[in-house]
Amino acid sequence: MVACAGAACNFARDYEIAQEPLMREIERRVRGSDYGATSWTTRDQAEQAAARLGLGRGRRLLELGAGSGWPALFLATLSGCDVVLTDLPLSGLRIARERAARDGLDSRCSVLAADGAALPFADCSFDRIHHADVLCCMDRKREMLRECGRVARTEARMEFSVISLAREPAGDDERRLLQQSGPPYPDAGADYAVLLEETSWTLVERIDVTAEFMRCMEVLIEESDARRSALVELLGDEDYAERLERRRCTRAAVECALLKREIFLAQPLRPAARNTIGQS
């Protein structure tokens, strides 16, 4: 659900536009998907996530910030797991539900409008949890991680990707660059390994995918330049120019090591360890 960066988003319009054949063709070239993706998860990364999470039939997966269904519906198709998609923009969830029906996932997929920091599920409801570039789009990061821990079963696993600050900006120019490139909340206030520990998770694996993030950005800019006329016809001159400038700013922020993208795999702390944290 990271369609926009640093500015107010018109999610309904973005999700609708992302379903256009031209946008889906660009998405296939950038990520290898055609769901109207708004995260930077590539097809290869989604396949690796399915393996690391140990997804399969009988597993119940929760996807937060699911948008129009990428990569949650792909994970369900690939593994045979059951999946619950949550997000706040109804437009994305409607598109995801329609795609699930087309892909024959009706019996294994449900969608629900929900805030990731206040999930409407009972404790210990899910075997696996996934979210892609969601935490960098919200300021209540600890609340969301705690909620994920609450709804996770004892042997659960959680994997997420996140775009974050690689270092503090040096001066006003770099601060402006961050504002123009996004996402809106890249500063977590602490390393994500620390946030996981504070919210009763144990870090299992940490993978730097900044290079692949940069590759996707480069391909997206190339495709946007090459298809300028068609994109202007679809988006309008102003929207096209704003999107392209935002992508160029993101590329610049990665190039100068202001932003990075990582994948984290975690599991819940054992109850005894949770009690120790609560007493400290």
Protein backbone atom coordinates (compact mmCIF):
# COMPACT_ATOMS: atom_id res chain seq x y z
CA MET A 1 0.00 0.00 0.00
CA VAL A 2 2.83 2.36 -0.80
CA ALA A 3 1.40 3.98 -3.90
CA CYS A 4 2.42 7.52 -3.03
CA ALA A 5 5.33 9.07 -1.28
CA GLY A 6 5.43 12.11 0.94
CA ALA A 7 2.15 13.56 -0.30
CA ALA A 8 -1.56 12.90 0.04
CA CYS A 9 -2.67 9.89 -1.98
CA ASN A 10 -5.82 9.37 -3.98
CA PHE A 11 -5.87 5.63 -3.38
CA ALA A 12 -9.16 5.02 -5.17
CA ARG A 13 -7.89 6.59 -8.38
CA ASP A 14 -4.45 4.96 -8.06
CA TYR A 15 -5.92 1.47 -7.65
CA GLU A 16 -8.24 1.94 -10.62
CA ILE A 17 -5.46 3.29 -12.87
CA ALA A 18 -3.15 0.45 -11.85
CA GLN A 19 -5.62 -2.01 -13.45
CA GLU A 20 -5.26 -0.44 -16.89
CA PRO A 21 -3.51 -2.74 -19.41
CA LEU A 22 -0.68 -0.24 -19.91
CA MET A 23 0.04 -0.04 -16.17
CA ARG A 24 -0.13 -3.80 -15.75
CA GLU A 25 2.32 -4.28 -18.61
CA ILE A 26 4.75 -1.87 -16.94
CA GLU A 27 4.25 -3.71 -13.64
CA ARG A 28 5.15 -7.01 -15.31
CA ARG A 29 8.40 -5.50 -16.54
CA VAL A 30 9.23 -3.94 -13.17
CA ARG A 31 8.11 -6.62 -10.67
CA GLY A 32 7.00 -9.64 -12.67
CA SER A 33 3.42 -9.23 -11.38
CA ASP A 34 0.19 -7.83 -12.84
CA TYR A 35 -2.07 -7.26 -9.84
CA GLY A 36 -1.86 -3.46 -9.71
CA ALA A 37 0.90 -3.71 -7.11
CA THR A 38 1.68 -0.76 -4.86
CA SER A 39 4.56 -2.34 -2.93
CA TRP A 40 8.01 -3.03 -4.40
CA THR A 41 7.83 -6.80 -3.90
CA THR A 42 9.05 -8.63 -6.99
CA ARG A 43 7.83 -12.02 -8.13
CA ASP A 44 11.12 -13.61 -7.06
CA GLN A 45 10.82 -12.03 -3.60
CA ALA A 46 7.24 -13.29 -3.27
CA GLU A 47 8.30 -16.83 -4.19
CA GLN A 48 11.11 -16.66 -1.62
CA ALA A 49 8.66 -15.34 1.00
CA ALA A 50 6.37 -18.32 0.42
CA ALA A 51 9.30 -20.67 1.06
CA ARG A 52 10.62 -18.83 4.13
CA LEU A 53 7.15 -18.65 5.66
CA GLY A 54 6.53 -22.31 4.99
CA LEU A 55 3.17 -21.60 3.40
CA GLY A 56 1.00 -24.52 2.38
CA ARG A 57 -2.45 -26.02 2.59
CA GLY A 58 -4.00 -25.59 6.00
CA ARG A 59 -1.95 -22.50 6.84
CA ARG A 60 -3.89 -19.30 7.56
CA LEU A 61 -2.10 -16.19 6.27
CA LEU A 62 -2.88 -12.60 7.22
CA GLU A 63 -1.81 -9.89 4.77
CA LEU A 64 -1.85 -6.32 6.11
CA GLY A 65 -2.03 -3.35 3.75
CA ALA A 66 -3.02 -5.78 1.02
CA GLY A 67 -4.06 -3.17 -1.54
CA SER A 68 -5.31 -4.83 -4.71
CA GLY A 69 -3.94 -8.23 -3.71
CA TRP A 70 -0.22 -8.32 -4.47
CA PRO A 71 1.53 -10.39 -3.25
CA ALA A 72 -1.08 -12.04 -0.98
CA LEU A 73 -3.18 -13.59 -3.74
CA PHE A 74 -0.06 -14.84 -5.50
CA LEU A 75 1.14 -16.42 -2.24
CA ALA A 76 -2.21 -18.18 -1.85
CA THR A 77 -2.18 -19.38 -5.47
CA LEU A 78 1.41 -20.58 -5.18
CA SER A 79 1.09 -22.39 -1.85
CA GLY A 80 -2.54 -23.38 -1.42
CA CYS A 81 -2.85 -21.51 1.89
CA ASP A 82 -5.92 -19.65 3.11
CA VAL A 83 -5.52 -15.86 3.17
CA VAL A 84 -7.20 -12.89 4.82
CA LEU A 85 -6.53 -9.52 3.15
CA THR A 86 -6.84 -6.32 5.19
CA ASP A 87 -6.42 -2.67 4.31
CA LEU A 88 -8.29 0.61 4.75
CA PRO A 89 -8.93 1.81 1.17
CA LEU A 90 -12.01 -0.12 0.08
CA SER A 91 -11.19 0.43 -3.58
CA GLY A 92 -8.13 -1.80 -3.39
CA LEU A 93 -9.93 -4.53 -1.47
CA ARG A 94 -12.76 -4.55 -4.01
CA ILE A 95 -10.26 -5.09 -6.82
CA ALA A 96 -8.52 -7.80 -4.78
CA ARG A 97 -11.80 -9.62 -4.19
CA GLU A 98 -12.58 -9.54 -7.92
CA ARG A 99 -9.11 -10.88 -8.74
CA ALA A 100 -9.48 -13.63 -6.13
CA ALA A 101 -12.75 -14.71 -7.79
CA ARG A 102 -11.10 -14.76 -11.24
CA ASP A 103 -8.21 -16.82 -9.88
CA GLY A 104 -10.49 -19.38 -8.24
CA LEU A 105 -9.56 -18.38 -4.69
CA ASP A 106 -13.07 -17.56 -3.42
CA SER A 107 -13.14 -20.42 -0.93
CA ARG A 108 -9.68 -19.63 0.48
CA CYS A 109 -9.70 -15.83 0.51
CA SER A 110 -11.54 -13.18 2.49
CA VAL A 111 -11.10 -9.41 2.57
CA LEU A 112 -11.76 -7.01 5.42
CA ALA A 113 -11.31 -3.26 5.91
CA ALA A 114 -9.09 -2.97 8.98
CA ASP A 115 -6.44 -0.73 10.53
CA GLY A 116 -3.17 -2.62 10.97
CA ALA A 117 -2.69 -1.00 14.39
CA ALA A 118 -6.13 -2.15 15.63
CA LEU A 119 -6.91 -5.52 14.08
CA PRO A 120 -10.46 -6.92 14.50
CA PHE A 121 -9.30 -10.50 15.08
CA ALA A 122 -9.15 -12.74 18.14
CA ASP A 123 -5.84 -13.57 19.75
CA CYS A 124 -3.83 -16.37 18.13
CA SER A 125 -5.82 -16.37 14.88
CA PHE A 126 -3.10 -16.75 12.23
CA ASP A 127 -0.28 -19.14 11.36
CA ARG A 128 1.56 -16.66 9.15
CA ILE A 129 1.62 -12.87 8.73
CA HIS A 130 2.94 -10.83 5.83
CA HIS A 131 3.06 -7.14 4.93
CA ALA A 132 4.92 -5.43 2.12
CA ASP A 133 6.18 -1.84 2.51
CA VAL A 134 3.38 -0.99 4.93
CA LEU A 135 5.23 0.05 8.10
CA CYS A 136 6.97 2.87 6.21
CA CYS A 137 3.54 4.27 5.34
CA MET A 138 2.28 4.54 8.92
CA ASP A 139 3.51 6.26 12.06
CA ARG A 140 2.09 3.70 14.55
CA LYS A 141 4.71 1.08 13.80
CA ARG A 142 5.01 -0.42 17.28
CA GLU A 143 1.24 -0.67 17.62
CA MET A 144 1.03 -2.59 14.36
CA LEU A 145 3.84 -4.97 15.31
CA ARG A 146 2.19 -5.60 18.69
CA GLU A 147 -1.14 -6.30 17.01
CA CYS A 148 0.59 -8.74 14.67
CA GLY A 149 2.02 -10.46 17.74
CA ARG A 150 -1.38 -10.61 19.41
CA VAL A 151 -3.10 -12.33 16.48
CA ALA A 152 -0.15 -14.66 15.78
CA ARG A 153 -0.23 -18.24 17.00
CA THR A 154 2.65 -19.55 19.12
CA GLU A 155 4.49 -21.15 16.20
CA ALA A 156 3.68 -18.35 13.75
CA ARG A 157 6.09 -16.59 11.47
CA MET A 158 5.92 -13.04 10.15
CA GLU A 159 7.73 -11.62 7.13
CA PHE A 160 7.66 -8.01 6.00
CA SER A 161 9.52 -5.64 3.73
CA VAL A 162 10.10 -2.02 4.64
CA ILE A 163 11.74 1.08 3.19
CA SER A 164 13.61 2.98 5.87
CA LEU A 165 16.26 5.58 6.56
CA ALA A 166 19.76 4.28 5.90
CA ARG A 167 21.23 7.34 7.64
CA GLU A 168 20.15 10.72 8.91
CA PRO A 169 19.78 13.42 6.21
CA ALA A 170 22.65 15.89 6.06
CA GLY A 171 21.08 19.30 5.68
CA ASP A 172 17.93 20.80 4.23
CA ASP A 173 18.52 19.56 0.68
CA GLU A 174 18.50 15.92 1.76
CA ARG A 175 15.49 16.48 4.01
CA ARG A 176 13.62 17.93 1.02
CA LEU A 177 14.71 14.97 -1.09
CA LEU A 178 13.22 12.59 1.47
CA GLN A 179 9.95 14.51 1.48
CA GLN A 180 9.78 14.31 -2.30
CA SER A 181 10.73 10.65 -2.56
CA GLY A 182 8.91 9.03 0.34
CA PRO A 183 7.50 6.85 1.71
CA PRO A 184 5.83 9.18 4.23
CA TYR A 185 7.23 7.57 7.42
CA PRO A 186 10.68 6.12 6.67
CA ASP A 187 12.06 7.01 10.11
CA ALA A 188 11.22 4.23 12.57
CA GLY A 189 12.95 5.96 15.47
CA ALA A 190 15.09 2.84 15.99
CA ASP A 191 16.44 -0.07 14.02
CA TYR A 192 13.72 -2.55 13.07
CA ALA A 193 15.56 -5.29 14.95
CA VAL A 194 15.05 -3.19 18.08
CA LEU A 195 11.38 -2.55 17.26
CA LEU A 196 10.79 -6.27 16.84
CA GLU A 197 12.35 -7.04 20.20
CA GLU A 198 10.33 -4.27 21.88
CA THR A 199 7.11 -5.71 20.46
CA SER A 200 7.74 -9.34 21.49
CA TRP A 201 9.19 -10.70 18.25
CA THR A 202 12.43 -12.61 17.70
CA LEU A 203 14.36 -11.71 14.55
CA VAL A 204 15.11 -14.82 12.49
CA GLU A 205 16.52 -13.38 9.26
CA ARG A 206 17.28 -9.96 7.80
CA ILE A 207 17.84 -9.45 4.06
CA ASP A 208 18.98 -6.26 2.36
CA VAL A 209 17.13 -5.89 -0.96
CA THR A 210 18.13 -2.28 -1.66
CA ALA A 211 19.92 -3.25 -4.89
CA GLU A 212 16.78 -4.93 -6.25
CA PHE A 213 14.71 -1.93 -5.14
CA MET A 214 17.06 0.29 -7.14
CA ARG A 215 16.81 -2.00 -10.16
CA CYS A 216 13.01 -1.82 -10.05
CA MET A 217 13.18 1.96 -9.82
CA GLU A 218 15.50 2.15 -12.82
CA VAL A 219 13.24 -0.07 -14.93
CA LEU A 220 10.19 1.93 -13.89
CA ILE A 221 11.82 5.21 -14.90
CA GLU A 222 12.95 3.72 -18.22
CA GLU A 223 9.46 2.39 -18.93
CA SER A 224 7.90 5.73 -17.96
CA ASP A 225 10.20 7.58 -20.35
CA ALA A 226 9.69 5.11 -23.18
CA ARG A 227 5.88 5.15 -22.85
CA ARG A 228 5.50 8.86 -22.18
CA SER A 229 2.79 9.56 -24.78
CA ALA A 230 0.55 6.69 -23.68
CA LEU A 231 1.05 7.51 -19.99
CA VAL A 232 0.25 11.20 -20.52
CA GLU A 233 -2.94 10.18 -22.32
CA LEU A 234 -3.89 7.94 -19.38
CA LEU A 235 -2.72 10.09 -16.47
CA GLY A 236 -2.62 13.64 -17.78
CA ASP A 237 0.47 15.84 -18.10
CA GLU A 238 0.61 16.94 -14.46
CA ASP A 239 0.11 13.52 -12.89
CA TYR A 240 2.64 11.93 -15.26
CA ALA A 241 5.25 14.60 -14.45
CA GLU A 242 4.66 14.30 -10.69
CA ARG A 243 4.95 10.50 -10.72
CA LEU A 244 8.13 10.56 -12.78
CA GLU A 245 9.72 13.23 -10.57
CA ARG A 246 8.85 11.26 -7.45
CA ARG A 247 10.50 8.14 -8.87
CA ARG A 248 13.59 10.11 -9.78
CA CYS A 249 13.75 11.53 -6.26
CA THR A 250 13.45 8.03 -4.80
CA ARG A 251 16.29 6.86 -7.04
CA ALA A 252 18.39 9.79 -5.90
CA ALA A 253 17.67 9.04 -2.23
CA VAL A 254 18.76 5.43 -2.69
CA GLU A 255 21.82 6.43 -4.70
CA CYS A 256 23.07 8.70 -1.93
CA ALA A 257 22.35 6.03 0.71
CA LEU A 258 19.49 7.89 2.39
CA LEU A 259 16.95 5.09 1.86
CA LYS A 260 17.23 1.32 1.97
CA ARG A 261 14.80 -1.56 1.62
CA GLU A 262 14.99 -4.69 3.74
CA ILE A 263 13.05 -7.88 4.40
CA PHE A 264 12.62 -9.20 7.95
CA LEU A 265 11.56 -12.66 9.04
CA ALA A 266 10.49 -12.99 12.68
CA GLN A 267 8.71 -15.31 15.08
CA PRO A 268 6.87 -14.55 18.35
CA LEU A 269 8.81 -14.61 21.59
CA ARG A 270 7.98 -17.53 23.83
CA PRO A 271 5.46 -16.64 26.60
CA ALA A 272 8.15 -16.72 29.31
CA ALA A 273 10.29 -14.28 27.35
CA ARG A 274 7.30 -12.01 26.82
CA ASN A 275 6.68 -11.93 30.55
CA THR A 276 10.30 -10.96 31.16
CA ILE A 277 9.97 -8.02 28.76
CA GLY A 278 6.78 -6.91 30.45
CA GLN A 279 8.51 -6.88 33.84
CA SER A 280 11.60 -4.95 32.70
